[in-house]
Amino acid sequence: MARKKDTLVLQSHRLPLSPSWLHLCIESVKHWSGQQGFDYQFLDDQIFNLLLPELVERYSQQKVILTDLARLQWLQKFLTAGYETVVWCDADFLIFHPGEFNLPDSNYAVGREVWIQKDQKGQLRVYRKVHNAFLMFRNANVFLDFYTETAEKLLLKNTGRVPPQFIGPKLLTALHNLVDLPVMESAGMLSPLVIRDIISGGGNALDLFRKHSSVPIAGANLSCSVAGSEGLSEQDIELMIDAQVSAFS
């Protein structure tokens, strides 16, 4: 585990990459890491190597859950190895303004979720939460160990299937509502309705997103896990990536 710099950026995804547009997101994070002078490492299925075998077996059909815990354990491992700061970005996280995507001075930070979707009456609704598609921890932080232990305990205690965001956004948002976690506001997340508006050049969902975002975002998770189910094709996402820079400039 060679350490060249003080900061490491970590990503993971099963290979070969699918959908194809993921490589555009990963390259954007690599490019940003290089600009910042950070080390970069990509893990494939080896990300699961640090997990308890019991959990790997129990949640074998819920890889998202396993990845949410595994990322924390690898971030712990790299801090222990001597890095001063470790950063996680999901494979579908796109950094479109690298010069404005600056790590905060806090000892740790999570990402900001401003989720726009329609309710049962077809009205647009805003859900303002936090997410784990972007995470940052410095050596002096006291949160990562607590978060990792709590997430692992919750998974060990549970005996059935859990919601996909169980130990990610759901747990983090519950903690955030109690203790106000540090948030990197420029690390956002785009819902399918916002993505459609970006492709179209504007719309009510994008307007609402901007209104409820405290700062212009410089990077965002593209919600790969729900994009297909919401009718967005790979070509749609690629169009959105092309339009992304101008949409938030």
C-alpha atoms as a PDB file:
ATOM      1  CA  MET A   1       0.000   0.000   0.000  1.00  0.00           C
ATOM      2  CA  ALA A   2       2.233   2.777  -1.292  1.00  0.00           C
ATOM      3  CA  ARG A   3       1.457   6.217   0.099  1.00  0.00           C
ATOM      4  CA  LYS A   4       2.774   9.063  -2.043  1.00  0.00           C
ATOM      5  CA  LYS A   5       0.650  11.971  -0.877  1.00  0.00           C
ATOM      6  CA  ASP A   6      -1.292  13.059   2.205  1.00  0.00           C
ATOM      7  CA  THR A   7      -4.714  12.514   0.593  1.00  0.00           C
ATOM      8  CA  LEU A   8      -6.199   9.428  -1.074  1.00  0.00           C
ATOM      9  CA  VAL A   9      -9.293   9.319  -3.290  1.00  0.00           C
ATOM     10  CA  LEU A  10     -10.982   5.908  -3.379  1.00  0.00           C
ATOM     11  CA  GLN A  11     -13.567   4.468  -5.788  1.00  0.00           C
ATOM     12  CA  SER A  12     -14.937   1.024  -6.512  1.00  0.00           C
ATOM     13  CA  HIS A  13     -17.133  -0.845  -8.985  1.00  0.00           C
ATOM     14  CA  ARG A  14     -17.416  -4.315 -10.431  1.00  0.00           C
ATOM     15  CA  LEU A  15     -15.554  -4.737 -13.726  1.00  0.00           C
ATOM     16  CA  PRO A  16     -16.257  -4.481 -16.602  1.00  0.00           C
ATOM     17  CA  LEU A  17     -18.039  -1.182 -16.038  1.00  0.00           C
ATOM     18  CA  SER A  18     -21.750  -1.078 -16.790  1.00  0.00           C
ATOM     19  CA  PRO A  19     -23.469   1.141 -17.816  1.00  0.00           C
ATOM     20  CA  SER A  20     -20.860   2.465 -20.228  1.00  0.00           C
ATOM     21  CA  TRP A  21     -21.143   6.102 -19.077  1.00  0.00           C
ATOM     22  CA  LEU A  22     -19.638   5.205 -15.697  1.00  0.00           C
ATOM     23  CA  HIS A  23     -16.165   5.561 -17.198  1.00  0.00           C
ATOM     24  CA  LEU A  24     -16.896   9.261 -17.816  1.00  0.00           C
ATOM     25  CA  CYS A  25     -17.684   9.733 -14.137  1.00  0.00           C
ATOM     26  CA  ILE A  26     -14.649   7.784 -12.970  1.00  0.00           C
ATOM     27  CA  GLU A  27     -12.360   9.712 -15.311  1.00  0.00           C
ATOM     28  CA  SER A  28     -13.749  12.989 -13.939  1.00  0.00           C
ATOM     29  CA  VAL A  29     -12.801  11.936 -10.398  1.00  0.00           C
ATOM     30  CA  LYS A  30      -9.373  10.732 -11.532  1.00  0.00           C
ATOM     31  CA  HIS A  31      -8.806  14.049 -13.314  1.00  0.00           C
ATOM     32  CA  TRP A  32      -9.808  16.035 -10.226  1.00  0.00           C
ATOM     33  CA  SER A  33      -7.569  13.879  -8.020  1.00  0.00           C
ATOM     34  CA  GLY A  34      -4.621  14.520 -10.311  1.00  0.00           C
ATOM     35  CA  GLN A  35      -5.289  18.261 -10.389  1.00  0.00           C
ATOM     36  CA  GLN A  36      -5.326  18.331  -6.598  1.00  0.00           C
ATOM     37  CA  GLY A  37      -2.158  16.245  -6.304  1.00  0.00           C
ATOM     38  CA  PHE A  38      -3.971  13.411  -4.508  1.00  0.00           C
ATOM     39  CA  ASP A  39      -3.302   9.686  -4.663  1.00  0.00           C
ATOM     40  CA  TYR A  40      -6.041   7.679  -6.382  1.00  0.00           C
ATOM     41  CA  GLN A  41      -7.043   4.038  -6.022  1.00  0.00           C
ATOM     42  CA  PHE A  42      -9.769   1.972  -7.674  1.00  0.00           C
ATOM     43  CA  LEU A  43     -11.049  -1.292  -6.184  1.00  0.00           C
ATOM     44  CA  ASP A  44     -13.161  -3.909  -7.938  1.00  0.00           C
ATOM     45  CA  ASP A  45     -14.763  -6.786  -5.991  1.00  0.00           C
ATOM     46  CA  GLN A  46     -11.793  -6.814  -3.627  1.00  0.00           C
ATOM     47  CA  ILE A  47     -13.681  -4.082  -1.780  1.00  0.00           C
ATOM     48  CA  PHE A  48     -15.614  -6.874  -0.023  1.00  0.00           C
ATOM     49  CA  ASN A  49     -12.467  -8.531   1.359  1.00  0.00           C
ATOM     50  CA  LEU A  50     -12.585  -6.726   4.718  1.00  0.00           C
ATOM     51  CA  LEU A  51     -16.207  -7.616   5.516  1.00  0.00           C
ATOM     52  CA  LEU A  52     -17.229 -10.286   7.993  1.00  0.00           C
ATOM     53  CA  PRO A  53     -18.002 -13.527   6.077  1.00  0.00           C
ATOM     54  CA  GLU A  54     -21.320 -13.697   7.925  1.00  0.00           C
ATOM     55  CA  LEU A  55     -22.398 -10.367   6.442  1.00  0.00           C
ATOM     56  CA  VAL A  56     -21.170 -11.238   2.949  1.00  0.00           C
ATOM     57  CA  GLU A  57     -23.318 -14.373   3.032  1.00  0.00           C
ATOM     58  CA  ARG A  58     -26.364 -12.720   4.593  1.00  0.00           C
ATOM     59  CA  TYR A  59     -26.434  -9.785   2.173  1.00  0.00           C
ATOM     60  CA  SER A  60     -25.094 -11.573  -0.914  1.00  0.00           C
ATOM     61  CA  GLN A  61     -28.128 -10.379  -2.893  1.00  0.00           C
ATOM     62  CA  GLN A  62     -27.749  -6.782  -1.679  1.00  0.00           C
ATOM     63  CA  LYS A  63     -24.333  -5.681  -2.924  1.00  0.00           C
ATOM     64  CA  VAL A  64     -25.229  -2.020  -2.401  1.00  0.00           C
ATOM     65  CA  ILE A  65     -25.568  -2.663   1.336  1.00  0.00           C
ATOM     66  CA  LEU A  66     -22.246  -4.489   1.472  1.00  0.00           C
ATOM     67  CA  THR A  67     -20.521  -1.712  -0.463  1.00  0.00           C
ATOM     68  CA  ASP A  68     -21.884   0.939   1.914  1.00  0.00           C
ATOM     69  CA  LEU A  69     -20.128  -0.801   4.817  1.00  0.00           C
ATOM     70  CA  ALA A  70     -17.044  -1.922   2.902  1.00  0.00           C
ATOM     71  CA  ARG A  71     -16.165   1.625   1.823  1.00  0.00           C
ATOM     72  CA  LEU A  72     -16.008   2.670   5.472  1.00  0.00           C
ATOM     73  CA  GLN A  73     -13.675  -0.178   6.380  1.00  0.00           C
ATOM     74  CA  TRP A  74     -11.317   0.628   3.505  1.00  0.00           C
ATOM     75  CA  LEU A  75     -11.292   4.298   4.431  1.00  0.00           C
ATOM     76  CA  GLN A  76     -10.365   3.281   7.989  1.00  0.00           C
ATOM     77  CA  LYS A  77      -7.617   1.048   6.600  1.00  0.00           C
ATOM     78  CA  PHE A  78      -6.073   3.826   4.527  1.00  0.00           C
ATOM     79  CA  LEU A  79      -6.162   6.295   7.419  1.00  0.00           C
ATOM     80  CA  THR A  80      -4.395   3.701   9.558  1.00  0.00           C
ATOM     81  CA  ALA A  81      -1.835   3.279   6.769  1.00  0.00           C
ATOM     82  CA  GLY A  82      -0.834   6.907   7.206  1.00  0.00           C
ATOM     83  CA  TYR A  83      -2.970   9.065   4.965  1.00  0.00           C
ATOM     84  CA  GLU A  84      -4.008  12.356   6.522  1.00  0.00           C
ATOM     85  CA  THR A  85      -7.236  12.563   4.504  1.00  0.00           C
ATOM     86  CA  VAL A  86      -9.309   9.955   2.658  1.00  0.00           C
ATOM     87  CA  VAL A  87     -12.102  10.649   0.179  1.00  0.00           C
ATOM     88  CA  TRP A  88     -14.743   8.344  -1.260  1.00  0.00           C
ATOM     89  CA  CYS A  89     -16.689   9.027  -4.466  1.00  0.00           C
ATOM     90  CA  ASP A  90     -19.225   6.589  -5.889  1.00  0.00           C
ATOM     91  CA  ALA A  91     -18.463   5.287  -9.382  1.00  0.00           C
ATOM     92  CA  ASP A  92     -21.434   7.295 -10.718  1.00  0.00           C
ATOM     93  CA  PHE A  93     -20.239  10.521  -9.108  1.00  0.00           C
ATOM     94  CA  LEU A  94     -19.371  13.157 -11.730  1.00  0.00           C
ATOM     95  CA  ILE A  95     -17.113  16.113 -10.941  1.00  0.00           C
ATOM     96  CA  PHE A  96     -17.970  18.697 -13.608  1.00  0.00           C
ATOM     97  CA  HIS A  97     -16.357  21.781 -12.029  1.00  0.00           C
ATOM     98  CA  PRO A  98     -13.066  20.370 -10.655  1.00  0.00           C
ATOM     99  CA  GLY A  99     -11.664  23.811  -9.886  1.00  0.00           C
ATOM    100  CA  GLU A 100     -14.583  24.490  -7.539  1.00  0.00           C
ATOM    101  CA  PHE A 101     -14.752  21.054  -5.929  1.00  0.00           C
ATOM    102  CA  ASN A 102     -12.704  21.898  -2.848  1.00  0.00           C
ATOM    103  CA  LEU A 103     -12.534  19.771   0.279  1.00  0.00           C
ATOM    104  CA  PRO A 104     -13.801  21.518   3.430  1.00  0.00           C
ATOM    105  CA  ASP A 105     -11.613  22.265   6.437  1.00  0.00           C
ATOM    106  CA  SER A 106     -13.748  20.098   8.729  1.00  0.00           C
ATOM    107  CA  ASN A 107     -12.467  16.763  10.072  1.00  0.00           C
ATOM    108  CA  TYR A 108     -15.091  14.899   8.066  1.00  0.00           C
ATOM    109  CA  ALA A 109     -17.938  15.603   5.669  1.00  0.00           C
ATOM    110  CA  VAL A 110     -20.822  13.920   3.868  1.00  0.00           C
ATOM    111  CA  GLY A 111     -22.589  14.909   0.639  1.00  0.00           C
ATOM    112  CA  ARG A 112     -25.796  16.898   0.168  1.00  0.00           C
ATOM    113  CA  GLU A 113     -28.940  15.328  -1.279  1.00  0.00           C
ATOM    114  CA  VAL A 114     -31.674  17.587  -2.643  1.00  0.00           C
ATOM    115  CA  TRP A 115     -34.047  15.018  -4.119  1.00  0.00           C
ATOM    116  CA  ILE A 116     -36.855  16.202  -6.386  1.00  0.00           C
ATOM    117  CA  GLN A 117     -39.713  13.832  -7.211  1.00  0.00           C
ATOM    118  CA  LYS A 118     -43.457  13.894  -7.764  1.00  0.00           C
ATOM    119  CA  ASP A 119     -45.936  12.936  -5.044  1.00  0.00           C
ATOM    120  CA  GLN A 120     -49.069  10.850  -5.586  1.00  0.00           C
ATOM    121  CA  LYS A 121     -50.888  13.951  -6.868  1.00  0.00           C
ATOM    122  CA  GLY A 122     -48.189  14.680  -9.418  1.00  0.00           C
ATOM    123  CA  GLN A 123     -46.844  17.677  -7.518  1.00  0.00           C
ATOM    124  CA  LEU A 124     -43.104  18.242  -7.268  1.00  0.00           C
ATOM    125  CA  ARG A 125     -41.715  17.684  -3.785  1.00  0.00           C
ATOM    126  CA  VAL A 126     -38.281  18.425  -2.311  1.00  0.00           C
ATOM    127  CA  TYR A 127     -36.541  16.076   0.115  1.00  0.00           C
ATOM    128  CA  ARG A 128     -33.399  17.598   1.607  1.00  0.00           C
ATOM    129  CA  LYS A 129     -31.093  14.970   3.123  1.00  0.00           C
ATOM    130  CA  VAL A 130     -27.426  13.925   3.167  1.00  0.00           C
ATOM    131  CA  HIS A 131     -25.740  11.088   1.293  1.00  0.00           C
ATOM    132  CA  ASN A 132     -22.685   8.830   1.282  1.00  0.00           C
ATOM    133  CA  ALA A 133     -21.870   9.022  -2.449  1.00  0.00           C
ATOM    134  CA  PHE A 134     -19.199  11.485  -1.327  1.00  0.00           C
ATOM    135  CA  LEU A 135     -17.413  11.057   1.994  1.00  0.00           C
ATOM    136  CA  MET A 136     -14.319  12.687   3.457  1.00  0.00           C
ATOM    137  CA  PHE A 137     -12.491  11.823   6.654  1.00  0.00           C
ATOM    138  CA  ARG A 138      -9.327  13.290   8.120  1.00  0.00           C
ATOM    139  CA  ASN A 139      -7.056  11.550  10.596  1.00  0.00           C
ATOM    140  CA  ALA A 140      -8.350  13.645  13.487  1.00  0.00           C
ATOM    141  CA  ASN A 141     -12.010  12.713  12.933  1.00  0.00           C
ATOM    142  CA  VAL A 142     -13.914  10.736  15.571  1.00  0.00           C
ATOM    143  CA  PHE A 143     -16.962   9.974  13.412  1.00  0.00           C
ATOM    144  CA  LEU A 144     -15.739   7.270  11.016  1.00  0.00           C
ATOM    145  CA  ASP A 145     -15.138   4.630  13.700  1.00  0.00           C
ATOM    146  CA  PHE A 146     -18.539   5.312  15.269  1.00  0.00           C
ATOM    147  CA  TYR A 147     -20.305   5.250  11.905  1.00  0.00           C
ATOM    148  CA  THR A 148     -18.597   2.018  10.824  1.00  0.00           C
ATOM    149  CA  GLU A 149     -19.326   0.227  14.093  1.00  0.00           C
ATOM    150  CA  THR A 150     -22.947   1.391  14.115  1.00  0.00           C
ATOM    151  CA  ALA A 151     -23.528   0.333  10.496  1.00  0.00           C
ATOM    152  CA  GLU A 152     -22.012  -3.100  11.118  1.00  0.00           C
ATOM    153  CA  LYS A 153     -24.080  -3.619  14.272  1.00  0.00           C
ATOM    154  CA  LEU A 154     -27.281  -2.714  12.432  1.00  0.00           C
ATOM    155  CA  LEU A 155     -26.530  -5.247   9.702  1.00  0.00           C
ATOM    156  CA  LEU A 156     -25.621  -7.976  12.198  1.00  0.00           C
ATOM    157  CA  LYS A 157     -28.794  -7.330  14.193  1.00  0.00           C
ATOM    158  CA  ASN A 158     -31.065  -7.466  11.153  1.00  0.00           C
ATOM    159  CA  THR A 159     -32.153 -10.876   9.851  1.00  0.00           C
ATOM    160  CA  GLY A 160     -34.009 -10.005   6.642  1.00  0.00           C
ATOM    161  CA  ARG A 161     -33.684  -7.714   3.648  1.00  0.00           C
ATOM    162  CA  VAL A 162     -33.072  -4.058   4.369  1.00  0.00           C
ATOM    163  CA  PRO A 163     -33.840  -0.906   2.339  1.00  0.00           C
ATOM    164  CA  PRO A 164     -31.056  -0.107  -0.172  1.00  0.00           C
ATOM    165  CA  GLN A 165     -30.148   3.112   1.676  1.00  0.00           C
ATOM    166  CA  PHE A 166     -30.310   1.529   5.146  1.00  0.00           C
ATOM    167  CA  ILE A 167     -26.776   2.279   6.392  1.00  0.00           C
ATOM    168  CA  GLY A 168     -26.075   4.989   3.817  1.00  0.00           C
ATOM    169  CA  PRO A 169     -28.346   8.009   3.343  1.00  0.00           C
ATOM    170  CA  LYS A 170     -31.028   6.794   5.767  1.00  0.00           C
ATOM    171  CA  LEU A 171     -28.646   6.299   8.696  1.00  0.00           C
ATOM    172  CA  LEU A 172     -26.592   9.401   7.876  1.00  0.00           C
ATOM    173  CA  THR A 173     -29.681  11.595   7.534  1.00  0.00           C
ATOM    174  CA  ALA A 174     -31.032  10.330  10.860  1.00  0.00           C
ATOM    175  CA  LEU A 175     -27.719  11.222  12.505  1.00  0.00           C
ATOM    176  CA  HIS A 176     -27.576  14.537  10.652  1.00  0.00           C
ATOM    177  CA  ASN A 177     -31.034  15.500  11.931  1.00  0.00           C
ATOM    178  CA  LEU A 178     -29.795  14.910  15.482  1.00  0.00           C
ATOM    179  CA  VAL A 179     -26.277  16.341  15.479  1.00  0.00           C
ATOM    180  CA  ASP A 180     -25.911  18.396  12.261  1.00  0.00           C
ATOM    181  CA  LEU A 181     -23.102  16.550  10.451  1.00  0.00           C
ATOM    182  CA  PRO A 182     -20.605  18.615   8.428  1.00  0.00           C
ATOM    183  CA  VAL A 183     -21.807  18.674   4.814  1.00  0.00           C
ATOM    184  CA  MET A 184     -19.889  19.415   1.628  1.00  0.00           C
ATOM    185  CA  GLU A 185     -22.733  21.289  -0.038  1.00  0.00           C
ATOM    186  CA  SER A 186     -21.062  21.293  -3.467  1.00  0.00           C
ATOM    187  CA  ALA A 187     -21.146  17.459  -3.543  1.00  0.00           C
ATOM    188  CA  GLY A 188     -24.714  16.913  -4.699  1.00  0.00           C
ATOM    189  CA  MET A 189     -27.047  14.242  -6.036  1.00  0.00           C
ATOM    190  CA  LEU A 190     -29.353  14.456  -9.047  1.00  0.00           C
ATOM    191  CA  SER A 191     -32.741  12.758  -9.193  1.00  0.00           C
ATOM    192  CA  PRO A 192     -34.089  11.491 -12.555  1.00  0.00           C
ATOM    193  CA  LEU A 193     -36.455  14.486 -12.855  1.00  0.00           C
ATOM    194  CA  VAL A 194     -33.557  16.911 -12.478  1.00  0.00           C
ATOM    195  CA  ILE A 195     -31.518  14.916 -14.990  1.00  0.00           C
ATOM    196  CA  ARG A 196     -34.372  15.146 -17.514  1.00  0.00           C
ATOM    197  CA  ASP A 197     -34.525  18.917 -17.056  1.00  0.00           C
ATOM    198  CA  ILE A 198     -30.775  19.238 -17.605  1.00  0.00           C
ATOM    199  CA  ILE A 199     -31.123  17.316 -20.867  1.00  0.00           C
ATOM    200  CA  SER A 200     -34.039  19.565 -21.876  1.00  0.00           C
ATOM    201  CA  GLY A 201     -32.162  22.747 -21.039  1.00  0.00           C
ATOM    202  CA  GLY A 202     -34.277  23.621 -17.993  1.00  0.00           C
ATOM    203  CA  GLY A 203     -37.513  22.936 -16.166  1.00  0.00           C
ATOM    204  CA  ASN A 204     -39.379  23.118 -12.881  1.00  0.00           C
ATOM    205  CA  ALA A 205     -37.487  20.267 -11.213  1.00  0.00           C
ATOM    206  CA  LEU A 206     -34.113  21.855 -11.991  1.00  0.00           C
ATOM    207  CA  ASP A 207     -35.386  25.248 -10.801  1.00  0.00           C
ATOM    208  CA  LEU A 208     -36.543  23.674  -7.545  1.00  0.00           C
ATOM    209  CA  PHE A 209     -33.218  21.900  -7.150  1.00  0.00           C
ATOM    210  CA  ARG A 210     -31.311  25.150  -7.528  1.00  0.00           C
ATOM    211  CA  LYS A 211     -33.648  26.954  -5.137  1.00  0.00           C
ATOM    212  CA  HIS A 212     -33.082  24.409  -2.363  1.00  0.00           C
ATOM    213  CA  SER A 213     -29.326  24.001  -2.887  1.00  0.00           C
ATOM    214  CA  SER A 214     -27.390  26.323  -0.604  1.00  0.00           C
ATOM    215  CA  VAL A 215     -24.462  26.618  -3.059  1.00  0.00           C
ATOM    216  CA  PRO A 216     -23.969  25.761  -6.737  1.00  0.00           C
ATOM    217  CA  ILE A 217     -22.872  22.140  -6.935  1.00  0.00           C
ATOM    218  CA  ALA A 218     -19.527  21.225  -8.503  1.00  0.00           C
ATOM    219  CA  GLY A 219     -20.056  17.460  -8.554  1.00  0.00           C
ATOM    220  CA  ALA A 220     -22.996  15.095  -8.211  1.00  0.00           C
ATOM    221  CA  ASN A 221     -24.040  11.491  -7.915  1.00  0.00           C
ATOM    222  CA  LEU A 222     -26.062  10.555 -11.014  1.00  0.00           C
ATOM    223  CA  SER A 223     -28.301   7.977  -9.295  1.00  0.00           C
ATOM    224  CA  CYS A 224     -27.268   5.021 -11.442  1.00  0.00           C
ATOM    225  CA  SER A 225     -29.278   2.645  -9.243  1.00  0.00           C
ATOM    226  CA  VAL A 226     -32.607   4.283 -10.148  1.00  0.00           C
ATOM    227  CA  ALA A 227     -31.925   5.910 -13.525  1.00  0.00           C
ATOM    228  CA  GLY A 228     -32.917   2.871 -15.581  1.00  0.00           C
ATOM    229  CA  SER A 229     -36.069   2.166 -13.597  1.00  0.00           C
ATOM    230  CA  GLU A 230     -37.145   5.787 -14.153  1.00  0.00           C
ATOM    231  CA  GLY A 231     -36.893   5.410 -17.915  1.00  0.00           C
ATOM    232  CA  LEU A 232     -33.529   7.102 -18.445  1.00  0.00           C
ATOM    233  CA  SER A 233     -31.406   5.385 -21.097  1.00  0.00           C
ATOM    234  CA  GLU A 234     -27.618   5.273 -21.249  1.00  0.00           C
ATOM    235  CA  GLN A 235     -27.830   7.796 -24.078  1.00  0.00           C
ATOM    236  CA  ASP A 236     -29.909  10.091 -21.871  1.00  0.00           C
ATOM    237  CA  ILE A 237     -27.251  10.046 -19.159  1.00  0.00           C
ATOM    238  CA  GLU A 238     -24.491  10.695 -21.674  1.00  0.00           C
ATOM    239  CA  LEU A 239     -26.464  13.678 -23.006  1.00  0.00           C
ATOM    240  CA  MET A 240     -26.890  14.922 -19.452  1.00  0.00           C
ATOM    241  CA  ILE A 241     -23.154  14.587 -18.767  1.00  0.00           C
ATOM    242  CA  ASP A 242     -22.458  16.685 -21.872  1.00  0.00           C
ATOM    243  CA  ALA A 243     -24.942  19.314 -20.677  1.00  0.00           C
ATOM    244  CA  GLN A 244     -23.921  19.214 -17.033  1.00  0.00           C
ATOM    245  CA  VAL A 245     -21.161  21.805 -17.147  1.00  0.00           C
ATOM    246  CA  SER A 246     -23.394  24.529 -18.592  1.00  0.00           C
ATOM    247  CA  ALA A 247     -26.385  23.631 -16.404  1.00  0.00           C
ATOM    248  CA  PHE A 248     -24.579  24.445 -13.168  1.00  0.00           C
ATOM    249  CA  SER A 249     -22.140  27.118 -14.351  1.00  0.00           C
END
